[in-house]
Protein backbone atom coordinates (compact mmCIF):
# COMPACT_ATOMS: atom_id res chain seq x y z
CA MET A 1 -35.82 62.09 -8.43
CA THR A 2 -33.07 62.17 -5.80
CA PRO A 3 -34.12 60.47 -2.54
CA PRO A 4 -34.19 62.91 0.40
CA TYR A 5 -30.99 63.59 2.35
CA ASN A 6 -29.01 66.57 3.62
CA LEU A 7 -25.37 67.17 2.72
CA THR A 8 -24.03 67.81 6.23
CA SER A 9 -20.58 68.99 7.29
CA GLU A 10 -20.06 65.52 8.81
CA ILE A 11 -20.76 63.83 5.45
CA LEU A 12 -18.33 66.21 3.71
CA ARG A 13 -15.67 65.53 6.36
CA LEU A 14 -16.11 61.76 6.02
CA ILE A 15 -15.97 61.87 2.21
CA SER A 16 -12.68 63.76 2.45
CA GLU A 17 -11.37 61.26 5.01
CA VAL A 18 -12.40 58.22 2.97
CA SER A 19 -11.01 59.71 -0.25
CA HIS A 20 -7.66 60.38 1.44
CA LYS A 21 -7.46 56.80 2.75
CA ILE A 22 -8.36 55.35 -0.66
CA GLY A 23 -5.59 57.49 -2.19
CA GLU A 24 -3.13 56.16 0.39
CA ILE A 25 -4.24 52.58 -0.32
CA ASN A 26 -3.83 53.08 -4.07
CA GLY A 27 -0.42 54.69 -3.55
CA SER A 28 0.67 51.72 -1.45
CA PHE A 29 -0.66 49.24 -4.03
CA LEU A 30 -2.82 47.58 -1.38
CA THR A 31 -5.45 47.00 -4.08
CA LYS A 32 -3.08 44.42 -5.59
CA GLN A 33 -3.37 41.90 -2.80
CA SER A 34 -2.41 38.26 -3.18
CA PRO A 35 -5.12 35.79 -4.28
CA GLU A 36 -4.92 34.13 -0.87
CA LEU A 37 -5.57 37.39 0.98
CA ARG A 38 -8.41 38.25 -1.39
CA LYS A 39 -9.94 34.84 -0.73
CA ARG A 40 -9.64 35.31 3.04
CA ASN A 41 -11.24 38.76 2.92
CA ARG A 42 -14.08 37.48 0.73
CA ILE A 43 -14.77 34.74 3.26
CA LYS A 44 -14.82 37.38 6.04
CA THR A 45 -17.29 39.42 3.99
CA ILE A 46 -19.64 36.48 3.49
CA GLN A 47 -19.42 35.40 7.12
CA ALA A 48 -20.08 38.90 8.46
CA SER A 49 -22.96 39.74 6.11
CA LEU A 50 -24.75 36.47 6.88
CA ALA A 51 -23.99 36.73 10.62
CA VAL A 52 -26.03 39.95 10.69
CA GLU A 53 -28.96 37.82 9.49
CA GLY A 54 -28.37 35.16 12.17
CA ASN A 55 -26.16 32.68 10.31
CA THR A 56 -24.04 30.72 12.81
CA LEU A 57 -21.23 29.37 10.61
CA SER A 58 -17.66 30.40 11.38
CA ILE A 59 -14.94 31.58 9.01
CA ASP A 60 -13.33 28.11 9.20
CA GLN A 61 -16.62 26.41 8.28
CA ILE A 62 -17.19 28.79 5.36
CA THR A 63 -13.63 28.14 4.17
CA ALA A 64 -14.36 24.41 4.24
CA ILE A 65 -17.55 24.89 2.18
CA LEU A 66 -15.58 26.95 -0.33
CA GLU A 67 -13.10 24.09 -0.59
CA ASN A 68 -15.93 21.54 -1.12
CA LYS A 69 -15.32 19.89 2.24
CA ARG A 70 -18.04 18.41 4.41
CA VAL A 71 -19.32 20.76 7.11
CA LEU A 72 -21.55 20.02 10.08
CA GLY A 73 -24.07 22.75 10.76
CA PRO A 74 -27.69 23.80 10.25
CA PRO A 75 -28.68 22.96 6.64
CA LYS A 76 -30.20 26.44 6.17
CA ASP A 77 -26.96 28.14 7.26
CA ILE A 78 -24.89 25.93 4.93
CA LYS A 79 -27.26 26.70 2.03
CA GLU A 80 -27.01 30.45 2.73
CA VAL A 81 -23.22 30.27 2.58
CA SER A 82 -23.16 28.14 -0.59
CA ASN A 83 -25.47 30.61 -2.32
CA ALA A 84 -23.47 33.64 -1.17
CA ILE A 85 -20.22 32.08 -2.45
CA LYS A 86 -21.76 31.74 -5.93
CA VAL A 87 -22.70 35.42 -5.97
CA TYR A 88 -19.46 36.81 -4.53
CA GLU A 89 -17.34 34.75 -6.93
CA ASN A 90 -18.97 36.69 -9.79
CA LEU A 91 -18.83 40.24 -8.43
CA ASN A 92 -16.84 41.49 -11.42
CA ILE A 93 -19.50 40.51 -13.96
CA ILE A 94 -22.56 41.86 -12.13
CA ASP A 95 -23.83 45.22 -13.39
CA PRO A 96 -25.01 47.16 -10.30
CA PHE A 97 -26.96 49.64 -12.45
CA ASN A 98 -29.09 46.89 -14.00
CA GLU A 99 -32.31 45.94 -12.22
CA LYS A 100 -32.45 42.52 -13.91
CA ALA A 101 -28.97 41.79 -12.52
CA PHE A 102 -30.29 42.80 -9.10
CA LEU A 103 -33.12 40.27 -9.32
CA SER A 104 -30.79 37.58 -10.68
CA ALA A 105 -28.38 38.07 -7.78
CA HIS A 106 -31.24 37.74 -5.29
CA LYS A 107 -32.37 34.54 -7.01
CA ILE A 108 -28.94 32.97 -6.55
CA LEU A 109 -28.55 34.34 -3.01
CA MET A 110 -31.93 33.00 -1.82
CA GLN A 111 -32.29 29.88 -4.02
CA GLY A 112 -33.73 27.03 -1.95
CA LEU A 113 -34.32 29.33 1.02
CA ILE A 114 -37.56 31.03 -0.03
CA GLU A 115 -40.14 30.18 -2.70
CA ASN A 116 -40.01 33.46 -4.61
CA SER A 117 -36.27 34.05 -4.90
CA GLY A 118 -35.46 36.58 -7.60
CA LYS A 119 -38.94 38.12 -7.46
CA TYR A 120 -40.32 41.16 -5.68
CA ARG A 121 -42.73 40.45 -2.84
CA ASN A 122 -46.47 40.38 -3.46
CA SER A 123 -47.63 40.96 0.12
CA GLY A 124 -47.10 43.44 2.93
CA VAL A 125 -44.09 43.17 5.21
CA GLY A 126 -42.84 44.80 8.40
CA ILE A 127 -39.80 44.50 10.66
CA VAL A 128 -40.58 43.46 14.22
CA LYS A 129 -38.18 43.92 17.15
CA GLY A 130 -39.53 42.29 20.29
CA SER A 131 -43.20 43.19 20.41
CA GLN A 132 -42.88 46.38 18.35
CA ILE A 133 -43.05 46.98 14.61
CA THR A 134 -39.96 49.09 13.90
CA HIS A 135 -40.55 49.44 10.16
CA LEU A 136 -43.62 49.01 7.99
CA ALA A 137 -42.52 48.72 4.36
CA PRO A 138 -44.46 50.33 1.48
CA PRO A 139 -47.39 48.29 0.06
CA ALA A 140 -46.42 45.45 -2.27
CA GLN A 141 -48.12 47.11 -5.26
CA ASN A 142 -45.70 50.05 -4.96
CA VAL A 143 -42.50 47.98 -4.95
CA VAL A 144 -42.01 47.67 -8.71
CA PHE A 145 -42.15 51.38 -9.48
CA LEU A 146 -40.22 52.34 -6.31
CA MET A 147 -37.35 50.05 -7.34
CA LYS A 148 -37.43 51.35 -10.93
CA ASP A 149 -37.16 54.89 -9.55
CA LEU A 150 -34.24 53.84 -7.35
CA PHE A 151 -32.35 52.29 -10.27
CA ASN A 152 -33.07 55.34 -12.40
CA TYR A 153 -31.54 57.44 -9.62
CA ILE A 154 -28.26 55.49 -9.46
CA ARG A 155 -28.00 55.37 -13.27
CA LYS A 156 -28.72 59.01 -14.04
CA THR A 157 -27.48 61.09 -11.12
CA ASP A 158 -23.92 62.42 -11.09
CA GLU A 159 -23.62 62.39 -7.30
CA LEU A 160 -20.53 60.92 -5.67
CA ILE A 161 -20.62 57.12 -5.63
CA LEU A 162 -19.76 57.19 -1.91
CA ILE A 163 -23.04 58.98 -1.24
CA LYS A 164 -25.04 57.23 -3.94
CA SER A 165 -24.13 53.76 -2.66
CA CYS A 166 -25.23 54.64 0.89
CA ILE A 167 -28.51 56.08 -0.39
CA PHE A 168 -29.21 52.96 -2.45
CA HIS A 169 -28.47 50.77 0.58
CA TYR A 170 -30.84 52.74 2.80
CA GLU A 171 -33.64 53.21 0.26
CA MET A 172 -33.59 49.54 -0.69
CA GLU A 173 -33.90 48.57 2.98
CA PHE A 174 -36.77 51.06 3.34
CA ILE A 175 -38.64 49.63 0.33
CA HIS A 176 -37.88 46.07 1.50
CA PRO A 177 -38.61 44.69 -1.99
CA PHE A 178 -38.21 41.00 -1.13
CA SER A 179 -39.94 38.71 1.32
CA ASP A 180 -36.47 37.84 2.69
CA GLY A 181 -32.82 38.59 1.94
CA ASN A 182 -33.14 42.40 1.89
CA GLY A 183 -30.29 43.08 4.31
CA ARG A 184 -27.71 40.95 2.53
CA MET A 185 -28.80 42.41 -0.84
CA GLY A 186 -28.40 45.97 0.47
CA ARG A 187 -24.86 45.30 1.68
CA LEU A 188 -23.93 43.38 -1.49
CA TRP A 189 -25.23 46.13 -3.78
CA GLN A 190 -23.41 48.89 -1.92
CA THR A 191 -20.18 46.90 -2.40
CA LEU A 192 -20.89 46.51 -6.14
CA LEU A 193 -21.59 50.23 -6.57
CA LEU A 194 -18.42 51.24 -4.74
CA MET A 195 -16.37 48.80 -6.83
CA GLN A 196 -17.28 50.73 -9.98
CA GLN A 197 -14.95 53.55 -8.95
CA TYR A 198 -12.79 52.01 -6.24
CA PRO A 199 -11.50 48.45 -6.91
CA VAL A 200 -10.39 48.15 -3.28
CA PHE A 201 -14.01 47.46 -2.25
CA GLU A 202 -13.95 44.13 -4.07
CA PHE A 203 -12.04 42.65 -1.16
CA LEU A 204 -12.60 45.18 1.65
CA PRO A 205 -14.84 43.35 4.17
CA PHE A 206 -16.61 46.39 5.66
CA GLU A 207 -19.50 44.02 6.47
CA THR A 208 -17.31 42.78 9.34
CA LEU A 209 -17.62 46.16 11.05
CA ILE A 210 -21.36 46.23 10.34
CA SER A 211 -21.61 42.84 12.05
CA LYS A 212 -19.64 44.12 15.05
CA ASN A 213 -21.87 47.21 15.17
CA GLN A 214 -25.10 45.44 14.32
CA LYS A 215 -27.22 47.27 16.88
CA ARG A 216 -25.97 50.67 15.64
CA TYR A 217 -26.58 49.56 12.03
CA TYR A 218 -30.25 48.89 12.71
CA GLN A 219 -30.52 52.05 14.81
CA ALA A 220 -29.13 54.08 11.89
CA LEU A 221 -31.78 52.61 9.59
CA THR A 222 -34.52 53.33 12.15
CA THR A 223 -33.30 56.89 12.81
CA SER A 224 -33.33 57.68 9.09
CA ASP A 225 -36.84 56.22 8.86
CA LYS A 226 -38.03 58.56 11.62
CA GLN A 227 -36.27 61.56 10.04
CA GLY A 228 -37.67 60.80 6.58
CA ALA A 229 -34.20 61.11 5.01
CA SER A 230 -31.12 58.90 4.64
CA THR A 231 -28.72 61.50 6.14
CA PHE A 232 -28.07 59.69 9.42
CA PHE A 233 -27.55 56.35 7.66
CA ILE A 234 -25.11 57.91 5.17
CA GLU A 235 -23.03 59.26 8.06
CA PHE A 236 -23.09 55.85 9.77
CA MET A 237 -22.01 53.95 6.64
CA LEU A 238 -19.26 56.42 5.75
CA ASN A 239 -17.87 55.97 9.26
CA ILE A 240 -17.96 52.18 8.79
CA ILE A 241 -16.19 52.49 5.43
CA SER A 242 -13.58 54.86 6.87
CA ASP A 243 -12.85 52.50 9.79
CA SER A 244 -12.58 49.53 7.40
CA LEU A 245 -10.07 51.41 5.25
CA SER A 246 -8.07 52.25 8.39
CA GLU A 247 -7.92 48.56 9.30
CA LEU A 248 -6.64 47.74 5.82
CA LEU A 249 -3.96 50.42 6.09
CA THR A 250 -2.74 49.02 9.42
CA GLU A 251 -2.12 45.68 7.67
CA ARG A 252 0.47 47.32 5.41
CA VAL A 253 3.81 45.59 5.80
CA GLY A 254 6.10 48.24 4.35
CA PRO A 255 7.13 49.66 0.97
CA ILE A 256 6.77 47.45 -2.08
CA SER A 257 9.97 45.88 -3.46
CA SER A 258 11.25 45.91 -7.05
CA SER A 259 10.21 42.28 -7.50
CA GLY A 260 6.83 43.09 -5.99
CA ARG A 261 6.30 45.95 -8.43
CA ILE A 262 7.30 43.82 -11.40
CA ASN A 263 4.97 40.99 -10.40
CA LEU A 264 2.07 43.40 -9.84
CA PHE A 265 2.67 44.99 -13.23
CA LEU A 266 2.86 41.67 -15.07
CA SER A 267 -0.25 40.39 -13.26
CA SER A 268 -2.23 43.16 -15.01
CA GLY A 269 -1.91 41.10 -18.22
CA VAL A 270 0.43 43.43 -20.08
CA LYS A 271 2.33 41.68 -22.91
CA GLU A 272 4.57 44.35 -24.40
CA PHE A 273 5.63 47.66 -22.87
CA THR A 274 8.23 50.41 -22.56
CA ARG A 275 9.86 51.91 -19.48
CA LYS A 276 7.57 54.91 -19.94
CA LYS A 277 4.48 52.69 -19.75
CA TYR A 278 5.90 50.97 -16.66
CA MET A 279 6.42 54.33 -14.96
CA ALA A 280 2.89 55.41 -15.88
CA HIS A 281 1.63 52.40 -13.93
CA PHE A 282 3.70 53.33 -10.84
CA LYS A 283 3.42 57.10 -10.88
CA THR A 284 5.57 57.74 -7.79
CA ILE A 285 8.78 55.95 -8.85
CA SER A 286 11.79 57.64 -10.49
CA SER A 287 13.23 56.72 -13.88
CA ALA A 288 16.27 55.24 -12.09
CA THR A 289 14.02 53.00 -9.99
CA ALA A 290 12.09 51.92 -13.08
CA SER A 291 15.35 51.04 -14.89
CA ARG A 292 16.52 49.02 -11.88
CA ASP A 293 13.19 47.16 -11.67
CA LEU A 294 13.31 46.26 -15.36
CA LEU A 295 16.95 45.16 -15.14
CA ILE A 296 15.97 42.78 -12.34
CA ALA A 297 13.01 41.52 -14.41
CA VAL A 298 15.30 40.74 -17.34
CA LYS A 299 17.85 38.98 -15.08
CA GLU A 300 15.09 36.89 -13.50
CA ASN A 301 13.84 35.98 -16.98
CA LEU A 302 10.41 37.48 -16.31
CA VAL A 303 10.61 39.69 -19.40
CA GLY A 304 12.54 39.77 -22.63
CA LYS A 305 14.25 42.90 -23.97
CA THR A 306 14.80 44.23 -27.48
CA GLY A 307 16.25 47.57 -28.62
CA GLU A 308 18.42 50.07 -26.78
CA LYS A 309 17.93 53.18 -24.61
CA ASN A 310 14.64 55.00 -25.25
CA LYS A 311 13.69 52.50 -27.97
CA THR A 312 13.84 49.49 -25.65
CA ILE A 313 10.78 47.24 -25.73
CA TYR A 314 10.05 44.70 -22.99
CA LYS A 315 7.94 41.57 -23.53
CA ALA A 316 6.37 39.47 -20.76
CA LYS A 317 7.37 35.81 -20.83
């Protein structure tokens, strides 16, 4: 069963906007960032997601932990970061449609922080702001089948992943399946779902904008609770995603060079290829540009060349 939401004109506008920006990012090859930039953005993601939960460590401190350096700080905060690093280093091997993978990720994320990491809660839970209960989660005995329904939804529905990921994020927060760690799991799982179709989300730290808009984030969750549908939260998250993509686009430093294209192509692991295959990888370049790129690659001894004209074969060295 599809969780309740309304497909508003604002959601449609934002999907179009996000899709256009993702197309621009793909066309500019911004998904092929350097390992150093990927590392920096992953650190920003971890710092921002944990900051929403009250973690006090800075980007520099998290970098030091990642590099196995000694860091002074609250032991709980250091443990949270160490756990998060283990999870985020393995994003590419986590199956976001698998409930067992979901529980395993929570176990790693909350290991040493709570007693029942990797297990659904067995008692009632509510979210308190000040002196008021802002959200009373479903009874513990309902959690197992509610989460199974939610995973069935993301596996079987053919809805757009941009919408589906937002719905999962909201519904998981509503169910609040764990005694702790629900917020960071919701943000992590939305990233994993988006990565299935858009590789850019592997290193796009949209959690940074959630952290900067933390009050609005919680208000969006509360508003959707009151409305009995995830519509408002979907609109909020699509705006966050759109703004994050805009920030990435502003970091663009200009058109990619011939050497840059060659290095990106070879980094994909290709061993043997033709000019036609090279052009298929970079759909916007001309045959003359492709020939020039490959001539440079041969001169720089990056690839070897056998054959002539349309029968030429290139081999990575």
